[in-house]
Amino acid sequence: MAHNVNFSSILLVGAGAMAREYMRVLDSKKVKYTVVCNTVESAKKIKLTHACKVVSGGLEKYLRDHQAPEFAVVATPVDSLYAISKMLINCGVRNILLEKPGAIYNRDLRNLSQQASYKKSNVYIAYNRRFYGSVEKLCELSKQDGGIKNIYFDFTELSDEISRLKIPDEVKARWALANSSHVFDLVVFLGGSIRKLNTNAYGGLDWHKSGAYFSGTGMSIHRIPFAYRSDWSSPGRWEINVYSENYKFILSPLEDLKAMMRGSFEIKDVNLESRDDNIFKPGLYKMVSKFLSQEVADFCSIHEHCYNFKHYCDIVNYDA
C-alpha cells in the first residue's frame, strides 16, 4: 500500500503551484518523498512549509548522484514535461505520473510511448478530473440507468486571460492540448476512445492561429456518439452533458453534478460525497492514492493518450 512506500522511492519533480498541490497530498498521507527543483531559492521556500527532502540543481544532476526511484511525479511547466519524463524513463523509473499533456507534439508523445514500452515503464497522464467526486457519481448513476447513450461537450477557454499569461508562445499556440485536453480526456474516459471524428475549425486569435470556433461530431469505440462546440472568441466555460435513458447529467463546472429527469425541465443538484475534493485540489488525493497503490484501471496510460492525441489535434486544427 502507499503508506509503505520507502523514503527514497517517491520523487516529485517540480516546485511550482501544481507541484505544491502534490506536496500537500503527500504530506497528508504521511509518506516520505524527495522533491527535485532547479534553484536553491525554490528549495529554501519548499523547506519552509514542507518536511520532505529537497534537492536543487535539477533532475539530470540528481539522477547522476542517486538511484532511480520506484515512483516519480512530474509537475513541471508544460514545455519541459517531455524532456523530464524521457529522462526518468531512460534511467529506469518504473512508475511515472506525468502532468498533462505529457508533450505538445505527437512525435514527442510517440517517442515517450515507445521508450516506455522498451524500458517497461508504466507512464500515466495526470488527468485528475477522472477522479472527481462528480465524475464518480455520474458513472454510478448512468450505469444504474442502463449506461451512457451520448455526450455533448464545450471546451471554451478564457481567451483574454490566456493571452496575458507569461508562458511560451509555443504553449499558447497549442493551448487546447496544454489545458482543454482535460475536457477531451474526460469525454474519452466516460464514453471510450474516439473511433470516428468530423471536425470544423474557423477563425483564429492573435495567440491561437489555428482557430477560435470549433464544432464537430464523432463516435467512440463503444459506439457512443458525441458532439461538441467551442467558441474562444465569446464567453463560455467547460461543460459536459451526458445522456442516459432517463437522465441528462450536467458537469459545469466539472466539479459539480446536476441532473434533469425525463419528463421534467427542472435541473437539480446531485449530492456528492467528496470530502477530499474540498480539502485538496479536486481529484488529486484519489489520483495520487491510486497511483501509489498501483490501482491504475482508471488512469490514462501514455499509450492510450498517444492514440487519442491525434484526434485532439484534429478537433482544434493542429498539425500533429
C-alpha atoms as a PDB file:
ATOM      1  CA  MET A   1       0.000   0.000   0.000  1.00  0.00           C
ATOM      2  CA  ALA A   2       1.009   3.625  -0.455  1.00  0.00           C
ATOM      3  CA  HIS A   3       1.863   4.203   3.206  1.00  0.00           C
ATOM      4  CA  ASN A   4       4.600   1.567   2.997  1.00  0.00           C
ATOM      5  CA  VAL A   5       6.447   3.188   0.094  1.00  0.00           C
ATOM      6  CA  ASN A   6      10.044   3.843   1.105  1.00  0.00           C
ATOM      7  CA  PHE A   7      11.573   7.292   1.584  1.00  0.00           C
ATOM      8  CA  SER A   8      13.792   7.191  -1.492  1.00  0.00           C
ATOM      9  CA  SER A   9      11.196   5.624  -3.775  1.00  0.00           C
ATOM     10  CA  ILE A  10       8.923   8.671  -4.349  1.00  0.00           C
ATOM     11  CA  LEU A  11      10.353  11.520  -6.379  1.00  0.00           C
ATOM     12  CA  LEU A  12       8.473  14.731  -7.150  1.00  0.00           C
ATOM     13  CA  VAL A  13       9.975  16.831  -9.927  1.00  0.00           C
ATOM     14  CA  GLY A  14       8.927  20.484  -9.842  1.00  0.00           C
ATOM     15  CA  ALA A  15       8.495  23.399  -7.447  1.00  0.00           C
ATOM     16  CA  GLY A  16       5.630  25.430  -8.916  1.00  0.00           C
ATOM     17  CA  ALA A  17       1.965  25.732  -7.960  1.00  0.00           C
ATOM     18  CA  MET A  18       0.980  22.285  -9.229  1.00  0.00           C
ATOM     19  CA  ALA A  19       3.942  20.631  -7.516  1.00  0.00           C
ATOM     20  CA  ARG A  20       2.850  22.296  -4.254  1.00  0.00           C
ATOM     21  CA  GLU A  21      -0.580  20.675  -4.628  1.00  0.00           C
ATOM     22  CA  TYR A  22       1.082  17.281  -4.881  1.00  0.00           C
ATOM     23  CA  MET A  23       3.163  18.068  -1.791  1.00  0.00           C
ATOM     24  CA  ARG A  24       0.002  18.800   0.194  1.00  0.00           C
ATOM     25  CA  VAL A  25      -1.390  15.388  -0.726  1.00  0.00           C
ATOM     26  CA  LEU A  26       1.839  13.530   0.013  1.00  0.00           C
ATOM     27  CA  ASP A  27       2.199  15.346   3.337  1.00  0.00           C
ATOM     28  CA  SER A  28      -1.344  14.389   4.337  1.00  0.00           C
ATOM     29  CA  LYS A  29      -0.643  10.739   3.546  1.00  0.00           C
ATOM     30  CA  LYS A  30       2.431  10.910   5.796  1.00  0.00           C
ATOM     31  CA  VAL A  31       4.689   9.345   3.183  1.00  0.00           C
ATOM     32  CA  LYS A  32       8.276  10.458   2.835  1.00  0.00           C
ATOM     33  CA  TYR A  33       9.328  11.803  -0.537  1.00  0.00           C
ATOM     34  CA  THR A  34      12.039  13.798  -2.269  1.00  0.00           C
ATOM     35  CA  VAL A  35      11.479  16.964  -4.275  1.00  0.00           C
ATOM     36  CA  VAL A  36      13.883  17.886  -7.070  1.00  0.00           C
ATOM     37  CA  CYS A  37      13.888  21.509  -8.231  1.00  0.00           C
ATOM     38  CA  ASN A  38      16.235  23.719 -10.216  1.00  0.00           C
ATOM     39  CA  THR A  39      17.210  26.549  -7.883  1.00  0.00           C
ATOM     40  CA  VAL A  40      18.413  26.923  -4.307  1.00  0.00           C
ATOM     41  CA  GLU A  41      15.793  29.653  -3.809  1.00  0.00           C
ATOM     42  CA  SER A  42      12.970  27.244  -4.711  1.00  0.00           C
ATOM     43  CA  ALA A  43      14.411  24.609  -2.380  1.00  0.00           C
ATOM     44  CA  LYS A  44      14.515  27.078   0.526  1.00  0.00           C
ATOM     45  CA  LYS A  45      10.861  28.065   0.012  1.00  0.00           C
ATOM     46  CA  ILE A  46       9.740  24.426  -0.017  1.00  0.00           C
ATOM     47  CA  LYS A  47      11.644  23.640   3.169  1.00  0.00           C
ATOM     48  CA  LEU A  48       9.790  26.441   4.979  1.00  0.00           C
ATOM     49  CA  THR A  49       6.434  24.696   4.603  1.00  0.00           C
ATOM     50  CA  HIS A  50       7.162  21.009   3.934  1.00  0.00           C
ATOM     51  CA  ALA A  51       9.170  18.379   5.818  1.00  0.00           C
ATOM     52  CA  CYS A  52      10.246  16.483   2.702  1.00  0.00           C
ATOM     53  CA  LYS A  53      13.783  16.130   1.447  1.00  0.00           C
ATOM     54  CA  VAL A  54      14.553  18.806  -1.187  1.00  0.00           C
ATOM     55  CA  VAL A  55      17.392  18.706  -3.717  1.00  0.00           C
ATOM     56  CA  SER A  56      18.224  21.641  -6.006  1.00  0.00           C
ATOM     57  CA  GLY A  57      20.303  21.579  -9.173  1.00  0.00           C
ATOM     58  CA  GLY A  58      17.829  19.900 -11.498  1.00  0.00           C
ATOM     59  CA  LEU A  59      16.838  16.349 -12.380  1.00  0.00           C
ATOM     60  CA  GLU A  60      19.844  15.450 -14.528  1.00  0.00           C
ATOM     61  CA  LYS A  61      22.221  16.132 -11.656  1.00  0.00           C
ATOM     62  CA  TYR A  62      20.002  14.285  -9.191  1.00  0.00           C
ATOM     63  CA  LEU A  63      19.865  11.140 -11.337  1.00  0.00           C
ATOM     64  CA  ARG A  64      23.664  11.112 -11.683  1.00  0.00           C
ATOM     65  CA  ASP A  65      24.016  11.018  -7.906  1.00  0.00           C
ATOM     66  CA  HIS A  66      21.059   8.859  -6.837  1.00  0.00           C
ATOM     67  CA  GLN A  67      19.443   5.522  -7.608  1.00  0.00           C
ATOM     68  CA  ALA A  68      16.330   5.647  -9.792  1.00  0.00           C
ATOM     69  CA  PRO A  69      13.157   5.920  -7.653  1.00  0.00           C
ATOM     70  CA  GLU A  70      10.271   3.460  -7.850  1.00  0.00           C
ATOM     71  CA  PHE A  71       7.679   6.233  -8.275  1.00  0.00           C
ATOM     72  CA  ALA A  72       8.030   9.657  -9.870  1.00  0.00           C
ATOM     73  CA  VAL A  73       5.568  12.529 -10.257  1.00  0.00           C
ATOM     74  CA  VAL A  74       6.384  15.133 -12.915  1.00  0.00           C
ATOM     75  CA  ALA A  75       4.809  18.540 -12.206  1.00  0.00           C
ATOM     76  CA  THR A  76       6.968  20.929 -14.222  1.00  0.00           C
ATOM     77  CA  PRO A  77       5.931  23.573 -16.815  1.00  0.00           C
ATOM     78  CA  VAL A  78       4.332  22.207 -19.991  1.00  0.00           C
ATOM     79  CA  ASP A  79       7.337  22.918 -22.206  1.00  0.00           C
ATOM     80  CA  SER A  80       9.626  20.767 -20.026  1.00  0.00           C
ATOM     81  CA  LEU A  81       7.369  17.744 -19.433  1.00  0.00           C
ATOM     82  CA  TYR A  82       8.679  15.777 -22.415  1.00  0.00           C
ATOM     83  CA  ALA A  83      12.369  16.150 -21.593  1.00  0.00           C
ATOM     84  CA  ILE A  84      11.881  15.415 -17.882  1.00  0.00           C
ATOM     85  CA  SER A  85       9.747  12.319 -18.414  1.00  0.00           C
ATOM     86  CA  LYS A  86      12.095  10.989 -21.090  1.00  0.00           C
ATOM     87  CA  MET A  87      14.982  11.296 -18.618  1.00  0.00           C
ATOM     88  CA  LEU A  88      13.051   9.363 -15.970  1.00  0.00           C
ATOM     89  CA  ILE A  89      12.020   6.611 -18.376  1.00  0.00           C
ATOM     90  CA  ASN A  90      15.559   6.161 -19.676  1.00  0.00           C
ATOM     91  CA  CYS A  91      17.050   5.915 -16.192  1.00  0.00           C
ATOM     92  CA  GLY A  92      14.687   3.077 -15.300  1.00  0.00           C
ATOM     93  CA  VAL A  93      11.859   4.599 -13.254  1.00  0.00           C
ATOM     94  CA  ARG A  94       9.049   2.029 -13.330  1.00  0.00           C
ATOM     95  CA  ASN A  95       6.031   4.168 -12.372  1.00  0.00           C
ATOM     96  CA  ILE A  96       5.609   7.753 -13.598  1.00  0.00           C
ATOM     97  CA  LEU A  97       2.675  10.123 -13.093  1.00  0.00           C
ATOM     98  CA  LEU A  98       3.126  12.806 -15.731  1.00  0.00           C
ATOM     99  CA  GLU A  99       1.232  16.106 -15.732  1.00  0.00           C
ATOM    100  CA  LYS A 100      -0.905  16.756 -18.794  1.00  0.00           C
ATOM    101  CA  PRO A 101      -0.468  16.813 -21.681  1.00  0.00           C
ATOM    102  CA  GLY A 102       2.887  14.994 -21.453  1.00  0.00           C
ATOM    103  CA  ALA A 103       4.054  16.701 -24.650  1.00  0.00           C
ATOM    104  CA  ILE A 104       2.543  19.161 -27.116  1.00  0.00           C
ATOM    105  CA  TYR A 105       3.674  17.361 -30.277  1.00  0.00           C
ATOM    106  CA  ASN A 106       2.602  13.928 -31.457  1.00  0.00           C
ATOM    107  CA  ARG A 107       6.159  12.918 -32.399  1.00  0.00           C
ATOM    108  CA  ASP A 108       7.340  13.532 -28.830  1.00  0.00           C
ATOM    109  CA  LEU A 109       4.416  11.648 -27.325  1.00  0.00           C
ATOM    110  CA  ARG A 110       5.040   8.690 -29.646  1.00  0.00           C
ATOM    111  CA  ASN A 111       8.659   8.696 -28.569  1.00  0.00           C
ATOM    112  CA  LEU A 112       7.676   8.582 -24.896  1.00  0.00           C
ATOM    113  CA  SER A 113       5.234   5.752 -25.587  1.00  0.00           C
ATOM    114  CA  GLN A 114       7.868   3.733 -27.439  1.00  0.00           C
ATOM    115  CA  GLN A 115      10.531   4.363 -24.786  1.00  0.00           C
ATOM    116  CA  ALA A 116       8.110   3.416 -22.014  1.00  0.00           C
ATOM    117  CA  SER A 117       7.385   0.105 -23.738  1.00  0.00           C
ATOM    118  CA  TYR A 118      11.072  -0.600 -24.307  1.00  0.00           C
ATOM    119  CA  LYS A 119      12.041   0.242 -20.724  1.00  0.00           C
ATOM    120  CA  LYS A 120       8.933  -1.432 -19.219  1.00  0.00           C
ATOM    121  CA  SER A 121       7.957   1.837 -17.567  1.00  0.00           C
ATOM    122  CA  ASN A 122       4.353   2.499 -16.562  1.00  0.00           C
ATOM    123  CA  VAL A 123       3.603   6.094 -17.524  1.00  0.00           C
ATOM    124  CA  TYR A 124       0.239   7.692 -16.760  1.00  0.00           C
ATOM    125  CA  ILE A 125      -1.030  11.160 -17.700  1.00  0.00           C
ATOM    126  CA  ALA A 126      -2.270  13.024 -14.610  1.00  0.00           C
ATOM    127  CA  TYR A 127      -5.790  13.877 -15.755  1.00  0.00           C
ATOM    128  CA  ASN A 128      -7.111  14.444 -12.245  1.00  0.00           C
ATOM    129  CA  ARG A 129     -10.661  15.191 -13.414  1.00  0.00           C
ATOM    130  CA  ARG A 130     -11.162  11.458 -13.978  1.00  0.00           C
ATOM    131  CA  PHE A 131     -11.088  11.202 -10.185  1.00  0.00           C
ATOM    132  CA  TYR A 132     -13.566  13.956  -9.303  1.00  0.00           C
ATOM    133  CA  GLY A 133     -16.366  13.015  -6.928  1.00  0.00           C
ATOM    134  CA  SER A 134     -18.787  14.416  -9.525  1.00  0.00           C
ATOM    135  CA  VAL A 135     -17.447  12.100 -12.221  1.00  0.00           C
ATOM    136  CA  GLU A 136     -17.504   9.074  -9.919  1.00  0.00           C
ATOM    137  CA  LYS A 137     -21.166   9.793  -9.086  1.00  0.00           C
ATOM    138  CA  LEU A 138     -22.068  10.353 -12.747  1.00  0.00           C
ATOM    139  CA  CYS A 139     -20.558   6.975 -13.670  1.00  0.00           C
ATOM    140  CA  GLU A 140     -22.507   5.300 -10.861  1.00  0.00           C
ATOM    141  CA  LEU A 141     -25.871   6.878 -11.737  1.00  0.00           C
ATOM    142  CA  SER A 142     -25.567   6.440 -15.518  1.00  0.00           C
ATOM    143  CA  LYS A 143     -24.646   2.767 -15.053  1.00  0.00           C
ATOM    144  CA  GLN A 144     -27.746   2.271 -12.904  1.00  0.00           C
ATOM    145  CA  ASP A 145     -29.809   3.844 -15.732  1.00  0.00           C
ATOM    146  CA  GLY A 146     -28.537   1.475 -18.406  1.00  0.00           C
ATOM    147  CA  GLY A 147     -25.375   3.278 -19.417  1.00  0.00           C
ATOM    148  CA  ILE A 148     -24.388   6.380 -21.355  1.00  0.00           C
ATOM    149  CA  LYS A 149     -26.218   6.961 -24.640  1.00  0.00           C
ATOM    150  CA  ASN A 150     -24.494  10.108 -25.952  1.00  0.00           C
ATOM    151  CA  ILE A 151     -22.317  13.053 -24.891  1.00  0.00           C
ATOM    152  CA  TYR A 152     -22.145  16.757 -25.716  1.00  0.00           C
ATOM    153  CA  PHE A 153     -19.263  18.974 -24.583  1.00  0.00           C
ATOM    154  CA  ASP A 154     -17.931  22.533 -24.715  1.00  0.00           C
ATOM    155  CA  PHE A 155     -14.270  23.404 -24.104  1.00  0.00           C
ATOM    156  CA  THR A 156     -14.439  27.203 -24.409  1.00  0.00           C
ATOM    157  CA  GLU A 157     -11.463  28.951 -22.781  1.00  0.00           C
ATOM    158  CA  LEU A 158     -10.977  32.352 -21.085  1.00  0.00           C
ATOM    159  CA  SER A 159      -9.093  33.764 -24.047  1.00  0.00           C
ATOM    160  CA  ASP A 160      -8.420  37.245 -22.659  1.00  0.00           C
ATOM    161  CA  GLU A 161      -6.752  35.808 -19.564  1.00  0.00           C
ATOM    162  CA  ILE A 162      -4.713  33.294 -21.545  1.00  0.00           C
ATOM    163  CA  SER A 163      -3.415  35.997 -23.877  1.00  0.00           C
ATOM    164  CA  ARG A 164      -1.840  37.734 -20.852  1.00  0.00           C
ATOM    165  CA  LEU A 165      -0.161  34.641 -19.393  1.00  0.00           C
ATOM    166  CA  LYS A 166       3.636  34.772 -19.158  1.00  0.00           C
ATOM    167  CA  ILE A 167       4.226  31.430 -20.849  1.00  0.00           C
ATOM    168  CA  PRO A 168       5.966  30.485 -24.133  1.00  0.00           C
ATOM    169  CA  ASP A 169       4.064  31.371 -27.305  1.00  0.00           C
ATOM    170  CA  GLU A 170       4.531  27.774 -28.465  1.00  0.00           C
ATOM    171  CA  VAL A 171       2.492  26.554 -25.484  1.00  0.00           C
ATOM    172  CA  LYS A 172      -0.238  29.161 -26.038  1.00  0.00           C
ATOM    173  CA  ALA A 173      -0.454  28.171 -29.702  1.00  0.00           C
ATOM    174  CA  ARG A 174      -1.279  24.614 -28.581  1.00  0.00           C
ATOM    175  CA  TRP A 175      -3.377  25.571 -25.570  1.00  0.00           C
ATOM    176  CA  ALA A 176      -6.095  23.044 -26.323  1.00  0.00           C
ATOM    177  CA  LEU A 177      -3.550  20.321 -25.578  1.00  0.00           C
ATOM    178  CA  ALA A 178      -1.936  22.122 -22.647  1.00  0.00           C
ATOM    179  CA  ASN A 179      -5.290  22.824 -20.950  1.00  0.00           C
ATOM    180  CA  SER A 180      -8.532  21.974 -22.804  1.00  0.00           C
ATOM    181  CA  SER A 181      -7.436  18.353 -23.145  1.00  0.00           C
ATOM    182  CA  HIS A 182      -8.801  17.903 -19.608  1.00  0.00           C
ATOM    183  CA  VAL A 183     -12.243  18.035 -21.236  1.00  0.00           C
ATOM    184  CA  PHE A 184     -11.271  15.811 -24.179  1.00  0.00           C
ATOM    185  CA  ASP A 185      -9.826  13.197 -21.853  1.00  0.00           C
ATOM    186  CA  LEU A 186     -12.852  13.195 -19.575  1.00  0.00           C
ATOM    187  CA  VAL A 187     -15.153  12.625 -22.561  1.00  0.00           C
ATOM    188  CA  VAL A 188     -12.936   9.711 -23.620  1.00  0.00           C
ATOM    189  CA  PHE A 189     -12.939   8.350 -20.061  1.00  0.00           C
ATOM    190  CA  LEU A 190     -16.750   8.430 -19.954  1.00  0.00           C
ATOM    191  CA  GLY A 191     -17.528   7.277 -23.480  1.00  0.00           C
ATOM    192  CA  GLY A 192     -14.459   5.482 -24.787  1.00  0.00           C
ATOM    193  CA  SER A 193     -11.643   6.388 -27.162  1.00  0.00           C
ATOM    194  CA  ILE A 194     -12.551   8.173 -30.385  1.00  0.00           C
ATOM    195  CA  ARG A 195     -13.235   5.939 -33.405  1.00  0.00           C
ATOM    196  CA  LYS A 196     -14.797   8.398 -35.905  1.00  0.00           C
ATOM    197  CA  LEU A 197     -14.485  12.185 -35.971  1.00  0.00           C
ATOM    198  CA  ASN A 198     -15.869  15.009 -38.121  1.00  0.00           C
ATOM    199  CA  THR A 199     -14.371  18.422 -37.370  1.00  0.00           C
ATOM    200  CA  ASN A 200     -14.780  22.105 -38.213  1.00  0.00           C
ATOM    201  CA  ALA A 201     -12.461  24.948 -37.188  1.00  0.00           C
ATOM    202  CA  TYR A 202     -12.843  28.633 -38.087  1.00  0.00           C
ATOM    203  CA  GLY A 203     -11.207  31.976 -37.394  1.00  0.00           C
ATOM    204  CA  GLY A 204      -8.260  32.479 -35.097  1.00  0.00           C
ATOM    205  CA  LEU A 205      -6.816  34.600 -32.299  1.00  0.00           C
ATOM    206  CA  ASP A 206      -3.569  36.534 -32.080  1.00  0.00           C
ATOM    207  CA  TRP A 207      -2.104  33.839 -29.856  1.00  0.00           C
ATOM    208  CA  HIS A 208      -4.044  30.882 -31.309  1.00  0.00           C
ATOM    209  CA  LYS A 209      -3.899  30.979 -35.107  1.00  0.00           C
ATOM    210  CA  SER A 210      -5.341  27.504 -35.707  1.00  0.00           C
ATOM    211  CA  GLY A 211      -8.880  28.565 -34.840  1.00  0.00           C
ATOM    212  CA  ALA A 212     -11.276  30.300 -32.467  1.00  0.00           C
ATOM    213  CA  TYR A 213     -14.520  28.428 -33.170  1.00  0.00           C
ATOM    214  CA  PHE A 214     -14.697  24.645 -33.214  1.00  0.00           C
ATOM    215  CA  SER A 215     -17.538  22.213 -33.774  1.00  0.00           C
ATOM    216  CA  GLY A 216     -17.901  18.580 -34.676  1.00  0.00           C
ATOM    217  CA  THR A 217     -19.363  15.137 -34.140  1.00  0.00           C
ATOM    218  CA  GLY A 218     -17.978  11.679 -33.636  1.00  0.00           C
ATOM    219  CA  MET A 219     -18.371   8.124 -32.387  1.00  0.00           C
ATOM    220  CA  SER A 220     -16.445   6.305 -29.675  1.00  0.00           C
ATOM    221  CA  ILE A 221     -15.121   2.752 -29.840  1.00  0.00           C
ATOM    222  CA  HIS A 222     -18.093   1.812 -27.629  1.00  0.00           C
ATOM    223  CA  ARG A 223     -20.455   3.233 -30.262  1.00  0.00           C
ATOM    224  CA  ILE A 224     -21.395   6.197 -28.086  1.00  0.00           C
ATOM    225  CA  PRO A 225     -21.986   9.279 -30.285  1.00  0.00           C
ATOM    226  CA  PHE A 226     -20.743  12.696 -29.207  1.00  0.00           C
ATOM    227  CA  ALA A 227     -20.920  16.300 -30.382  1.00  0.00           C
ATOM    228  CA  TYR A 228     -19.104  19.453 -29.360  1.00  0.00           C
ATOM    229  CA  ARG A 229     -18.762  23.181 -29.920  1.00  0.00           C
ATOM    230  CA  SER A 230     -16.404  25.790 -28.509  1.00  0.00           C
ATOM    231  CA  ASP A 231     -16.031  29.492 -29.220  1.00  0.00           C
ATOM    232  CA  TRP A 232     -12.851  31.043 -27.844  1.00  0.00           C
ATOM    233  CA  SER A 233     -13.864  34.499 -29.119  1.00  0.00           C
ATOM    234  CA  SER A 234     -17.050  34.588 -26.986  1.00  0.00           C
ATOM    235  CA  PRO A 235     -17.950  33.940 -23.334  1.00  0.00           C
ATOM    236  CA  GLY A 236     -18.342  30.364 -22.225  1.00  0.00           C
ATOM    237  CA  ARG A 237     -16.945  27.668 -19.973  1.00  0.00           C
ATOM    238  CA  TRP A 238     -16.151  23.966 -19.892  1.00  0.00           C
ATOM    239  CA  GLU A 239     -19.240  21.789 -19.846  1.00  0.00           C
ATOM    240  CA  ILE A 240     -20.015  18.120 -20.413  1.00  0.00           C
ATOM    241  CA  ASN A 241     -23.582  16.870 -20.809  1.00  0.00           C
ATOM    242  CA  VAL A 242     -24.077  13.118 -20.529  1.00  0.00           C
ATOM    243  CA  TYR A 243     -27.348  11.456 -21.554  1.00  0.00           C
ATOM    244  CA  SER A 244     -28.747   8.141 -20.322  1.00  0.00           C
ATOM    245  CA  GLU A 245     -32.230   6.657 -20.761  1.00  0.00           C
ATOM    246  CA  ASN A 246     -33.927   8.771 -18.098  1.00  0.00           C
ATOM    247  CA  TYR A 247     -31.427  11.488 -17.206  1.00  0.00           C
ATOM    248  CA  LYS A 248     -29.376  14.325 -18.562  1.00  0.00           C
ATOM    249  CA  PHE A 249     -26.308  14.786 -16.357  1.00  0.00           C
ATOM    250  CA  ILE A 250     -24.531  18.145 -16.401  1.00  0.00           C
ATOM    251  CA  LEU A 251     -20.911  18.749 -15.382  1.00  0.00           C
ATOM    252  CA  SER A 252     -20.488  22.546 -15.304  1.00  0.00           C
ATOM    253  CA  PRO A 253     -18.280  23.359 -13.544  1.00  0.00           C
ATOM    254  CA  LEU A 254     -16.802  19.884 -13.832  1.00  0.00           C
ATOM    255  CA  GLU A 255     -16.516  19.649 -10.033  1.00  0.00           C
ATOM    256  CA  ASP A 256     -20.325  19.802  -9.673  1.00  0.00           C
ATOM    257  CA  LEU A 257     -23.008  17.425 -10.910  1.00  0.00           C
ATOM    258  CA  LYS A 258     -26.570  18.364 -11.850  1.00  0.00           C
ATOM    259  CA  ALA A 259     -29.318  16.220 -13.332  1.00  0.00           C
ATOM    260  CA  MET A 260     -32.510  16.664 -15.339  1.00  0.00           C
ATOM    261  CA  MET A 261     -35.034  13.817 -15.150  1.00  0.00           C
ATOM    262  CA  ARG A 262     -37.092  12.521 -18.071  1.00  0.00           C
ATOM    263  CA  GLY A 263     -40.416  14.386 -18.320  1.00  0.00           C
ATOM    264  CA  SER A 264     -39.178  17.471 -16.453  1.00  0.00           C
ATOM    265  CA  PHE A 265     -37.260  20.647 -17.204  1.00  0.00           C
ATOM    266  CA  GLU A 266     -36.106  21.027 -13.606  1.00  0.00           C
ATOM    267  CA  ILE A 267     -32.349  20.821 -13.075  1.00  0.00           C
ATOM    268  CA  LYS A 268     -31.353  19.556  -9.623  1.00  0.00           C
ATOM    269  CA  ASP A 269     -28.021  19.433  -7.831  1.00  0.00           C
ATOM    270  CA  VAL A 270     -26.769  15.924  -7.131  1.00  0.00           C
ATOM    271  CA  ASN A 271     -25.338  15.469  -3.642  1.00  0.00           C
ATOM    272  CA  LEU A 272     -21.698  14.442  -3.661  1.00  0.00           C
ATOM    273  CA  GLU A 273     -19.575  12.758  -1.032  1.00  0.00           C
ATOM    274  CA  SER A 274     -16.316  14.419  -1.979  1.00  0.00           C
ATOM    275  CA  ARG A 275     -14.583  15.450   1.238  1.00  0.00           C
ATOM    276  CA  ASP A 276     -11.127  15.091  -0.318  1.00  0.00           C
ATOM    277  CA  ASP A 277     -12.162  17.320  -3.222  1.00  0.00           C
ATOM    278  CA  ASN A 278     -12.999  20.069  -0.719  1.00  0.00           C
ATOM    279  CA  ILE A 279      -9.663  19.823   1.092  1.00  0.00           C
ATOM    280  CA  PHE A 280      -7.259  19.267  -1.791  1.00  0.00           C
ATOM    281  CA  LYS A 281      -7.212  20.198  -5.449  1.00  0.00           C
ATOM    282  CA  PRO A 282     -10.206  18.196  -6.705  1.00  0.00           C
ATOM    283  CA  GLY A 283      -9.384  14.691  -7.867  1.00  0.00           C
ATOM    284  CA  LEU A 284      -5.766  14.890  -6.781  1.00  0.00           C
ATOM    285  CA  TYR A 285      -5.920  12.968  -3.498  1.00  0.00           C
ATOM    286  CA  LYS A 286      -7.659   9.964  -5.043  1.00  0.00           C
ATOM    287  CA  MET A 287      -5.426  10.038  -8.125  1.00  0.00           C
ATOM    288  CA  VAL A 288      -2.193  10.075  -6.089  1.00  0.00           C
ATOM    289  CA  SER A 289      -3.502   7.412  -3.704  1.00  0.00           C
ATOM    290  CA  LYS A 290      -4.389   5.062  -6.544  1.00  0.00           C
ATOM    291  CA  PHE A 291      -1.090   5.746  -8.333  1.00  0.00           C
ATOM    292  CA  LEU A 292       0.991   4.848  -5.285  1.00  0.00           C
ATOM    293  CA  SER A 293      -1.151   1.781  -4.580  1.00  0.00           C
ATOM    294  CA  GLN A 294      -0.872   0.840  -8.280  1.00  0.00           C
ATOM    295  CA  GLU A 295      -4.647   0.707  -8.729  1.00  0.00           C
ATOM    296  CA  VAL A 296      -4.412   2.100 -12.241  1.00  0.00           C
ATOM    297  CA  ALA A 297      -7.519   0.853 -14.072  1.00  0.00           C
ATOM    298  CA  ASP A 298      -8.972   4.380 -14.324  1.00  0.00           C
ATOM    299  CA  PHE A 299      -5.753   6.088 -15.424  1.00  0.00           C
ATOM    300  CA  CYS A 300      -4.878   7.365 -18.885  1.00  0.00           C
ATOM    301  CA  SER A 301      -1.758   5.443 -19.926  1.00  0.00           C
ATOM    302  CA  ILE A 302       0.826   7.042 -22.186  1.00  0.00           C
ATOM    303  CA  HIS A 303      -0.194   4.550 -24.892  1.00  0.00           C
ATOM    304  CA  GLU A 304      -3.910   5.399 -24.670  1.00  0.00           C
ATOM    305  CA  HIS A 305      -3.038   9.086 -24.665  1.00  0.00           C
ATOM    306  CA  CYS A 306      -0.846   8.650 -27.726  1.00  0.00           C
ATOM    307  CA  TYR A 307      -3.762   7.061 -29.595  1.00  0.00           C
ATOM    308  CA  ASN A 308      -6.234   9.844 -28.692  1.00  0.00           C
ATOM    309  CA  PHE A 309      -3.755  12.698 -29.056  1.00  0.00           C
ATOM    310  CA  LYS A 310      -4.013  12.793 -32.849  1.00  0.00           C
ATOM    311  CA  HIS A 311      -7.795  13.164 -32.575  1.00  0.00           C
ATOM    312  CA  TYR A 312      -7.380  16.022 -30.087  1.00  0.00           C
ATOM    313  CA  CYS A 313      -5.135  17.733 -32.635  1.00  0.00           C
ATOM    314  CA  ASP A 314      -7.791  17.274 -35.330  1.00  0.00           C
ATOM    315  CA  ILE A 315     -10.502  18.836 -33.127  1.00  0.00           C
ATOM    316  CA  VAL A 316      -8.562  22.110 -32.867  1.00  0.00           C
ATOM    317  CA  ASN A 317      -6.873  22.064 -36.278  1.00  0.00           C
ATOM    318  CA  TYR A 318      -3.322  21.444 -35.029  1.00  0.00           C
ATOM    319  CA  ASP A 319      -0.510  19.943 -37.040  1.00  0.00           C
ATOM    320  CA  ALA A 320       0.105  16.713 -35.080  1.00  0.00           C
END
